[in-house]
Amino acid sequence: MVDGEALIHGACVDVTEMSQLGAQLSTQTNLHRFARDVANRLLRCADDALINVIRQIILELGPLIGACHAGIMQR
């Protein structure tokens, strides 16, 4: 109170840019983690299981990149 009057003090900060940067960093972190995991799975994969491992990787990659469908077509 100042001279019997109530004072209200406030401040506004636009955090849109910081929020967007945080989302981008989170996405990049998830993609880097996924890439490391993929590399490890491929390195440990036996030759006869390679196609199944690659199928699984593609299915997991789809949602990460916003794809509504991901898969392998064999001829």
PDB file of N, CA and C in Angstrom:
ATOM      1  N   MET A   1       0.826  -1.167   0.000  1.00  0.00           N
ATOM      2  CA  MET A   1       0.000   0.000   0.000  1.00  0.00           C
ATOM      3  C   MET A   1       0.881   1.245   0.000  1.00  0.00           C
ATOM      4  N   VAL A   2       0.463   2.184  -0.788  1.00  0.00           N
ATOM      5  CA  VAL A   2       1.145   3.473  -0.843  1.00  0.00           C
ATOM      6  C   VAL A   2       0.080   4.542  -0.646  1.00  0.00           C
ATOM      7  N   ASP A   3       0.268   5.335   0.386  1.00  0.00           N
ATOM      8  CA  ASP A   3      -0.691   6.384   0.710  1.00  0.00           C
ATOM      9  C   ASP A   3      -2.126   5.841   0.776  1.00  0.00           C
ATOM     10  N   GLY A   4      -2.265   4.644   1.332  1.00  0.00           N
ATOM     11  CA  GLY A   4      -3.582   4.058   1.493  1.00  0.00           C
ATOM     12  C   GLY A   4      -4.159   3.424   0.238  1.00  0.00           C
ATOM     13  N   GLU A   5      -3.405   3.438  -0.867  1.00  0.00           N
ATOM     14  CA  GLU A   5      -3.872   2.862  -2.130  1.00  0.00           C
ATOM     15  C   GLU A   5      -3.149   1.533  -2.380  1.00  0.00           C
ATOM     16  N   ALA A   6      -3.915   0.532  -2.791  1.00  0.00           N
ATOM     17  CA  ALA A   6      -3.315  -0.748  -3.150  1.00  0.00           C
ATOM     18  C   ALA A   6      -2.704  -0.637  -4.534  1.00  0.00           C
ATOM     19  N   LEU A   7      -1.487  -1.085  -4.675  1.00  0.00           N
ATOM     20  CA  LEU A   7      -0.793  -1.066  -5.966  1.00  0.00           C
ATOM     21  C   LEU A   7      -0.615  -2.497  -6.458  1.00  0.00           C
ATOM     22  N   ILE A   8      -0.796  -2.682  -7.725  1.00  0.00           N
ATOM     23  CA  ILE A   8      -0.568  -3.995  -8.336  1.00  0.00           C
ATOM     24  C   ILE A   8       0.533  -3.826  -9.376  1.00  0.00           C
ATOM     25  N   HIS A   9       1.521  -4.659  -9.265  1.00  0.00           N
ATOM     26  CA  HIS A   9       2.652  -4.601 -10.199  1.00  0.00           C
ATOM     27  C   HIS A   9       2.723  -5.947 -10.913  1.00  0.00           C
ATOM     28  N   GLY A  10       2.862  -5.920 -12.194  1.00  0.00           N
ATOM     29  CA  GLY A  10       2.926  -7.167 -12.946  1.00  0.00           C
ATOM     30  C   GLY A  10       3.865  -7.041 -14.127  1.00  0.00           C
ATOM     31  N   ALA A  11       4.199  -8.177 -14.679  1.00  0.00           N
ATOM     32  CA  ALA A  11       5.058  -8.201 -15.861  1.00  0.00           C
ATOM     33  C   ALA A  11       4.642  -9.386 -16.725  1.00  0.00           C
ATOM     34  N   CYS A  12       4.803  -9.224 -18.025  1.00  0.00           N
ATOM     35  CA  CYS A  12       4.500 -10.302 -18.967  1.00  0.00           C
ATOM     36  C   CYS A  12       5.744 -10.583 -19.790  1.00  0.00           C
ATOM     37  N   VAL A  13       5.965 -11.828 -20.036  1.00  0.00           N
ATOM     38  CA  VAL A  13       7.091 -12.236 -20.857  1.00  0.00           C
ATOM     39  C   VAL A  13       6.582 -13.246 -21.871  1.00  0.00           C
ATOM     40  N   ASP A  14       6.886 -13.018 -23.134  1.00  0.00           N
ATOM     41  CA  ASP A  14       6.499 -13.960 -24.187  1.00  0.00           C
ATOM     42  C   ASP A  14       7.554 -15.072 -24.232  1.00  0.00           C
ATOM     43  N   VAL A  15       7.144 -16.285 -23.865  1.00  0.00           N
ATOM     44  CA  VAL A  15       8.080 -17.413 -23.828  1.00  0.00           C
ATOM     45  C   VAL A  15       7.865 -18.353 -25.016  1.00  0.00           C
ATOM     46  N   THR A  16       7.150 -17.880 -26.023  1.00  0.00           N
ATOM     47  CA  THR A  16       6.861 -18.712 -27.188  1.00  0.00           C
ATOM     48  C   THR A  16       8.148 -19.222 -27.832  1.00  0.00           C
ATOM     49  N   GLU A  17       9.089 -18.308 -28.042  1.00  0.00           N
ATOM     50  CA  GLU A  17      10.333 -18.693 -28.703  1.00  0.00           C
ATOM     51  C   GLU A  17      11.113 -19.701 -27.868  1.00  0.00           C
ATOM     52  N   MET A  18      11.173 -19.486 -26.557  1.00  0.00           N
ATOM     53  CA  MET A  18      11.876 -20.430 -25.687  1.00  0.00           C
ATOM     54  C   MET A  18      11.174 -21.782 -25.679  1.00  0.00           C
ATOM     55  N   SER A  19       9.857 -21.770 -25.691  1.00  0.00           N
ATOM     56  CA  SER A  19       9.093 -23.006 -25.704  1.00  0.00           C
ATOM     57  C   SER A  19       9.333 -23.782 -26.993  1.00  0.00           C
ATOM     58  N   GLN A  20       9.354 -23.071 -28.119  1.00  0.00           N
ATOM     59  CA  GLN A  20       9.605 -23.713 -29.404  1.00  0.00           C
ATOM     60  C   GLN A  20      11.012 -24.287 -29.453  1.00  0.00           C
ATOM     61  N   LEU A  21      11.985 -23.553 -28.925  1.00  0.00           N
ATOM     62  CA  LEU A  21      13.364 -24.043 -28.890  1.00  0.00           C
ATOM     63  C   LEU A  21      13.452 -25.301 -28.037  1.00  0.00           C
ATOM     64  N   GLY A  22      12.759 -25.299 -26.909  1.00  0.00           N
ATOM     65  CA  GLY A  22      12.744 -26.485 -26.049  1.00  0.00           C
ATOM     66  C   GLY A  22      12.163 -27.687 -26.763  1.00  0.00           C
ATOM     67  N   ALA A  23      11.100 -27.492 -27.518  1.00  0.00           N
ATOM     68  CA  ALA A  23      10.480 -28.589 -28.270  1.00  0.00           C
ATOM     69  C   ALA A  23      11.424 -29.097 -29.350  1.00  0.00           C
ATOM     70  N   GLN A  24      12.123 -28.169 -30.035  1.00  0.00           N
ATOM     71  CA  GLN A  24      13.077 -28.572 -31.073  1.00  0.00           C
ATOM     72  C   GLN A  24      14.227 -29.373 -30.467  1.00  0.00           C
ATOM     73  N   LEU A  25      14.741 -28.921 -29.331  1.00  0.00           N
ATOM     74  CA  LEU A  25      15.838 -29.635 -28.680  1.00  0.00           C
ATOM     75  C   LEU A  25      15.392 -31.015 -28.218  1.00  0.00           C
ATOM     76  N   SER A  26      14.164 -31.103 -27.729  1.00  0.00           N
ATOM     77  CA  SER A  26      13.635 -32.390 -27.306  1.00  0.00           C
ATOM     78  C   SER A  26      13.521 -33.344 -28.486  1.00  0.00           C
ATOM     79  N   THR A  27      13.037 -32.833 -29.616  1.00  0.00           N
ATOM     80  CA  THR A  27      12.916 -33.652 -30.823  1.00  0.00           C
ATOM     81  C   THR A  27      14.282 -34.109 -31.296  1.00  0.00           C
ATOM     82  N   GLN A  28      15.250 -33.202 -31.321  1.00  0.00           N
ATOM     83  CA  GLN A  28      16.606 -33.558 -31.744  1.00  0.00           C
ATOM     84  C   GLN A  28      17.209 -34.606 -30.818  1.00  0.00           C
ATOM     85  N   THR A  29      16.990 -34.445 -29.518  1.00  0.00           N
ATOM     86  CA  THR A  29      17.504 -35.414 -28.546  1.00  0.00           C
ATOM     87  C   THR A  29      16.894 -36.787 -28.805  1.00  0.00           C
ATOM     88  N   ASN A  30      15.585 -36.827 -29.033  1.00  0.00           N
ATOM     89  CA  ASN A  30      14.918 -38.105 -29.305  1.00  0.00           C
ATOM     90  C   ASN A  30      15.441 -38.742 -30.581  1.00  0.00           C
ATOM     91  N   LEU A  31      15.662 -37.935 -31.625  1.00  0.00           N
ATOM     92  CA  LEU A  31      16.177 -38.481 -32.889  1.00  0.00           C
ATOM     93  C   LEU A  31      17.608 -38.982 -32.728  1.00  0.00           C
ATOM     94  N   HIS A  32      18.437 -38.254 -31.977  1.00  0.00           N
ATOM     95  CA  HIS A  32      19.813 -38.726 -31.742  1.00  0.00           C
ATOM     96  C   HIS A  32      19.812 -40.024 -30.942  1.00  0.00           C
ATOM     97  N   ARG A  33      18.951 -40.097 -29.937  1.00  0.00           N
ATOM     98  CA  ARG A  33      18.846 -41.320 -29.132  1.00  0.00           C
ATOM     99  C   ARG A  33      18.395 -42.489 -30.012  1.00  0.00           C
ATOM    100  N   PHE A  34      17.417 -42.232 -30.876  1.00  0.00           N
ATOM    101  CA  PHE A  34      16.916 -43.265 -31.786  1.00  0.00           C
ATOM    102  C   PHE A  34      18.034 -43.719 -32.732  1.00  0.00           C
ATOM    103  N   ALA A  35      18.798 -42.768 -33.280  1.00  0.00           N
ATOM    104  CA  ALA A  35      19.878 -43.112 -34.209  1.00  0.00           C
ATOM    105  C   ALA A  35      20.935 -43.979 -33.529  1.00  0.00           C
ATOM    106  N   ARG A  36      21.300 -43.643 -32.290  1.00  0.00           N
ATOM    107  CA  ARG A  36      22.273 -44.470 -31.560  1.00  0.00           C
ATOM    108  C   ARG A  36      21.723 -45.871 -31.320  1.00  0.00           C
ATOM    109  N   ASP A  37      20.452 -45.943 -30.947  1.00  0.00           N
ATOM    110  CA  ASP A  37      19.821 -47.236 -30.703  1.00  0.00           C
ATOM    111  C   ASP A  37      19.788 -48.076 -31.982  1.00  0.00           C
ATOM    112  N   VAL A  38      19.448 -47.435 -33.107  1.00  0.00           N
ATOM    113  CA  VAL A  38      19.413 -48.137 -34.396  1.00  0.00           C
ATOM    114  C   VAL A  38      20.796 -48.680 -34.735  1.00  0.00           C
ATOM    115  N   ALA A  39      21.811 -47.851 -34.585  1.00  0.00           N
ATOM    116  CA  ALA A  39      23.182 -48.285 -34.894  1.00  0.00           C
ATOM    117  C   ALA A  39      23.565 -49.492 -34.039  1.00  0.00           C
ATOM    118  N   ASN A  40      23.230 -49.448 -32.765  1.00  0.00           N
ATOM    119  CA  ASN A  40      23.553 -50.578 -31.881  1.00  0.00           C
ATOM    120  C   ASN A  40      22.807 -51.839 -32.288  1.00  0.00           C
ATOM    121  N   ARG A  41      21.529 -51.693 -32.619  1.00  0.00           N
ATOM    122  CA  ARG A  41      20.755 -52.876 -33.029  1.00  0.00           C
ATOM    123  C   ARG A  41      21.297 -53.472 -34.320  1.00  0.00           C
ATOM    124  N   LEU A  42      21.669 -52.622 -35.266  1.00  0.00           N
ATOM    125  CA  LEU A  42      22.197 -53.132 -36.535  1.00  0.00           C
ATOM    126  C   LEU A  42      23.552 -53.804 -36.338  1.00  0.00           C
ATOM    127  N   LEU A  43      24.376 -53.251 -35.470  1.00  0.00           N
ATOM    128  CA  LEU A  43      25.684 -53.857 -35.211  1.00  0.00           C
ATOM    129  C   LEU A  43      25.565 -55.226 -34.539  1.00  0.00           C
ATOM    130  N   ARG A  44      24.567 -55.399 -33.685  1.00  0.00           N
ATOM    131  CA  ARG A  44      24.383 -56.662 -32.958  1.00  0.00           C
ATOM    132  C   ARG A  44      23.554 -57.682 -33.733  1.00  0.00           C
ATOM    133  N   CYS A  45      22.970 -57.239 -34.829  1.00  0.00           N
ATOM    134  CA  CYS A  45      22.023 -58.067 -35.566  1.00  0.00           C
ATOM    135  C   CYS A  45      22.727 -59.188 -36.339  1.00  0.00           C
ATOM    136  N   ALA A  46      22.160 -60.365 -36.265  1.00  0.00           N
ATOM    137  CA  ALA A  46      22.643 -61.480 -37.083  1.00  0.00           C
ATOM    138  C   ALA A  46      22.131 -61.286 -38.507  1.00  0.00           C
ATOM    139  N   ASP A  47      22.892 -61.778 -39.481  1.00  0.00           N
ATOM    140  CA  ASP A  47      22.516 -61.592 -40.888  1.00  0.00           C
ATOM    141  C   ASP A  47      21.113 -62.084 -41.201  1.00  0.00           C
ATOM    142  N   ASP A  48      20.723 -63.226 -40.638  1.00  0.00           N
ATOM    143  CA  ASP A  48      19.413 -63.795 -40.962  1.00  0.00           C
ATOM    144  C   ASP A  48      18.253 -63.014 -40.321  1.00  0.00           C
ATOM    145  N   ALA A  49      18.548 -62.121 -39.384  1.00  0.00           N
ATOM    146  CA  ALA A  49      17.498 -61.333 -38.731  1.00  0.00           C
ATOM    147  C   ALA A  49      17.465 -59.892 -39.249  1.00  0.00           C
ATOM    148  N   LEU A  50      18.347 -59.560 -40.186  1.00  0.00           N
ATOM    149  CA  LEU A  50      18.490 -58.172 -40.622  1.00  0.00           C
ATOM    150  C   LEU A  50      17.190 -57.565 -41.140  1.00  0.00           C
ATOM    151  N   ILE A  51      16.477 -58.263 -41.998  1.00  0.00           N
ATOM    152  CA  ILE A  51      15.251 -57.691 -42.582  1.00  0.00           C
ATOM    153  C   ILE A  51      14.212 -57.411 -41.501  1.00  0.00           C
ATOM    154  N   ASN A  52      14.096 -58.283 -40.503  1.00  0.00           N
ATOM    155  CA  ASN A  52      13.136 -58.068 -39.411  1.00  0.00           C
ATOM    156  C   ASN A  52      13.540 -56.888 -38.534  1.00  0.00           C
ATOM    157  N   VAL A  53      14.830 -56.743 -38.289  1.00  0.00           N
ATOM    158  CA  VAL A  53      15.317 -55.614 -37.498  1.00  0.00           C
ATOM    159  C   VAL A  53      15.057 -54.311 -38.251  1.00  0.00           C
ATOM    160  N   ILE A  54      15.323 -54.290 -39.546  1.00  0.00           N
ATOM    161  CA  ILE A  54      15.087 -53.091 -40.349  1.00  0.00           C
ATOM    162  C   ILE A  54      13.598 -52.754 -40.391  1.00  0.00           C
ATOM    163  N   ARG A  55      12.737 -53.759 -40.521  1.00  0.00           N
ATOM    164  CA  ARG A  55      11.284 -53.520 -40.482  1.00  0.00           C
ATOM    165  C   ARG A  55      10.875 -52.838 -39.186  1.00  0.00           C
ATOM    166  N   GLN A  56      11.374 -53.351 -38.078  1.00  0.00           N
ATOM    167  CA  GLN A  56      11.037 -52.793 -36.769  1.00  0.00           C
ATOM    168  C   GLN A  56      11.541 -51.357 -36.648  1.00  0.00           C
ATOM    169  N   ILE A  57      12.737 -51.105 -37.133  1.00  0.00           N
ATOM    170  CA  ILE A  57      13.307 -49.753 -37.097  1.00  0.00           C
ATOM    171  C   ILE A  57      12.426 -48.792 -37.893  1.00  0.00           C
ATOM    172  N   ILE A  58      11.995 -49.204 -39.073  1.00  0.00           N
ATOM    173  CA  ILE A  58      11.150 -48.348 -39.909  1.00  0.00           C
ATOM    174  C   ILE A  58       9.814 -48.073 -39.225  1.00  0.00           C
ATOM    175  N   LEU A  59       9.233 -49.088 -38.595  1.00  0.00           N
ATOM    176  CA  LEU A  59       7.963 -48.898 -37.886  1.00  0.00           C
ATOM    177  C   LEU A  59       8.120 -47.908 -36.728  1.00  0.00           C
ATOM    178  N   GLU A  60       9.252 -47.944 -36.053  1.00  0.00           N
ATOM    179  CA  GLU A  60       9.499 -47.026 -34.943  1.00  0.00           C
ATOM    180  C   GLU A  60       9.835 -45.625 -35.440  1.00  0.00           C
ATOM    181  N   LEU A  61      10.463 -45.535 -36.594  1.00  0.00           N
ATOM    182  CA  LEU A  61      10.852 -44.240 -37.146  1.00  0.00           C
ATOM    183  C   LEU A  61       9.647 -43.432 -37.611  1.00  0.00           C
ATOM    184  N   GLY A  62       8.653 -44.104 -38.163  1.00  0.00           N
ATOM    185  CA  GLY A  62       7.476 -43.425 -38.696  1.00  0.00           C
ATOM    186  C   GLY A  62       6.895 -42.375 -37.771  1.00  0.00           C
ATOM    187  N   PRO A  63       6.493 -42.740 -36.559  1.00  0.00           N
ATOM    188  CA  PRO A  63       5.913 -41.749 -35.649  1.00  0.00           C
ATOM    189  C   PRO A  63       6.883 -40.629 -35.261  1.00  0.00           C
ATOM    190  N   LEU A  64       8.171 -40.944 -35.203  1.00  0.00           N
ATOM    191  CA  LEU A  64       9.151 -39.915 -34.842  1.00  0.00           C
ATOM    192  C   LEU A  64       9.233 -38.799 -35.881  1.00  0.00           C
ATOM    193  N   ILE A  65       9.000 -39.144 -37.133  1.00  0.00           N
ATOM    194  CA  ILE A  65       9.110 -38.136 -38.191  1.00  0.00           C
ATOM    195  C   ILE A  65       7.743 -37.677 -38.688  1.00  0.00           C
ATOM    196  N   GLY A  66       6.688 -38.141 -38.022  1.00  0.00           N
ATOM    197  CA  GLY A  66       5.344 -37.695 -38.377  1.00  0.00           C
ATOM    198  C   GLY A  66       4.730 -38.429 -39.548  1.00  0.00           C
ATOM    199  N   ALA A  67       5.272 -39.586 -39.890  1.00  0.00           N
ATOM    200  CA  ALA A  67       4.713 -40.367 -41.002  1.00  0.00           C
ATOM    201  C   ALA A  67       3.484 -41.128 -40.516  1.00  0.00           C
ATOM    202  N   CYS A  68       2.468 -41.192 -41.352  1.00  0.00           N
ATOM    203  CA  CYS A  68       1.272 -41.949 -40.970  1.00  0.00           C
ATOM    204  C   CYS A  68       1.411 -43.415 -41.379  1.00  0.00           C
ATOM    205  N   HIS A  69       2.346 -43.715 -42.279  1.00  0.00           N
ATOM    206  CA  HIS A  69       2.588 -45.093 -42.682  1.00  0.00           C
ATOM    207  C   HIS A  69       4.057 -45.252 -43.033  1.00  0.00           C
ATOM    208  N   ALA A  70       4.665 -46.302 -42.551  1.00  0.00           N
ATOM    209  CA  ALA A  70       6.056 -46.596 -42.890  1.00  0.00           C
ATOM    210  C   ALA A  70       6.189 -48.096 -42.998  1.00  0.00           C
ATOM    211  N   GLY A  71       6.920 -48.557 -43.983  1.00  0.00           N
ATOM    212  CA  GLY A  71       7.098 -49.990 -44.143  1.00  0.00           C
ATOM    213  C   GLY A  71       8.024 -50.307 -45.287  1.00  0.00           C
ATOM    214  N   ILE A  72       8.194 -51.583 -45.534  1.00  0.00           N
ATOM    215  CA  ILE A  72       9.040 -52.063 -46.618  1.00  0.00           C
ATOM    216  C   ILE A  72       8.163 -52.820 -47.591  1.00  0.00           C
ATOM    217  N   MET A  73       8.341 -52.538 -48.868  1.00  0.00           N
ATOM    218  CA  MET A  73       7.656 -53.318 -49.909  1.00  0.00           C
ATOM    219  C   MET A  73       8.690 -54.213 -50.549  1.00  0.00           C
ATOM    220  N   GLN A  74       8.415 -55.490 -50.577  1.00  0.00           N
ATOM    221  CA  GLN A  74       9.314 -56.418 -51.239  1.00  0.00           C
ATOM    222  C   GLN A  74       8.728 -56.821 -52.567  1.00  0.00           C
ATOM    223  N   ARG A  75       9.582 -56.899 -53.568  1.00  0.00           N
ATOM    224  CA  ARG A  75       9.111 -57.322 -54.892  1.00  0.00           C
ATOM    225  C   ARG A  75       9.423 -58.763 -55.104  1.00  0.00           C
TER     226      ARG A  75
END
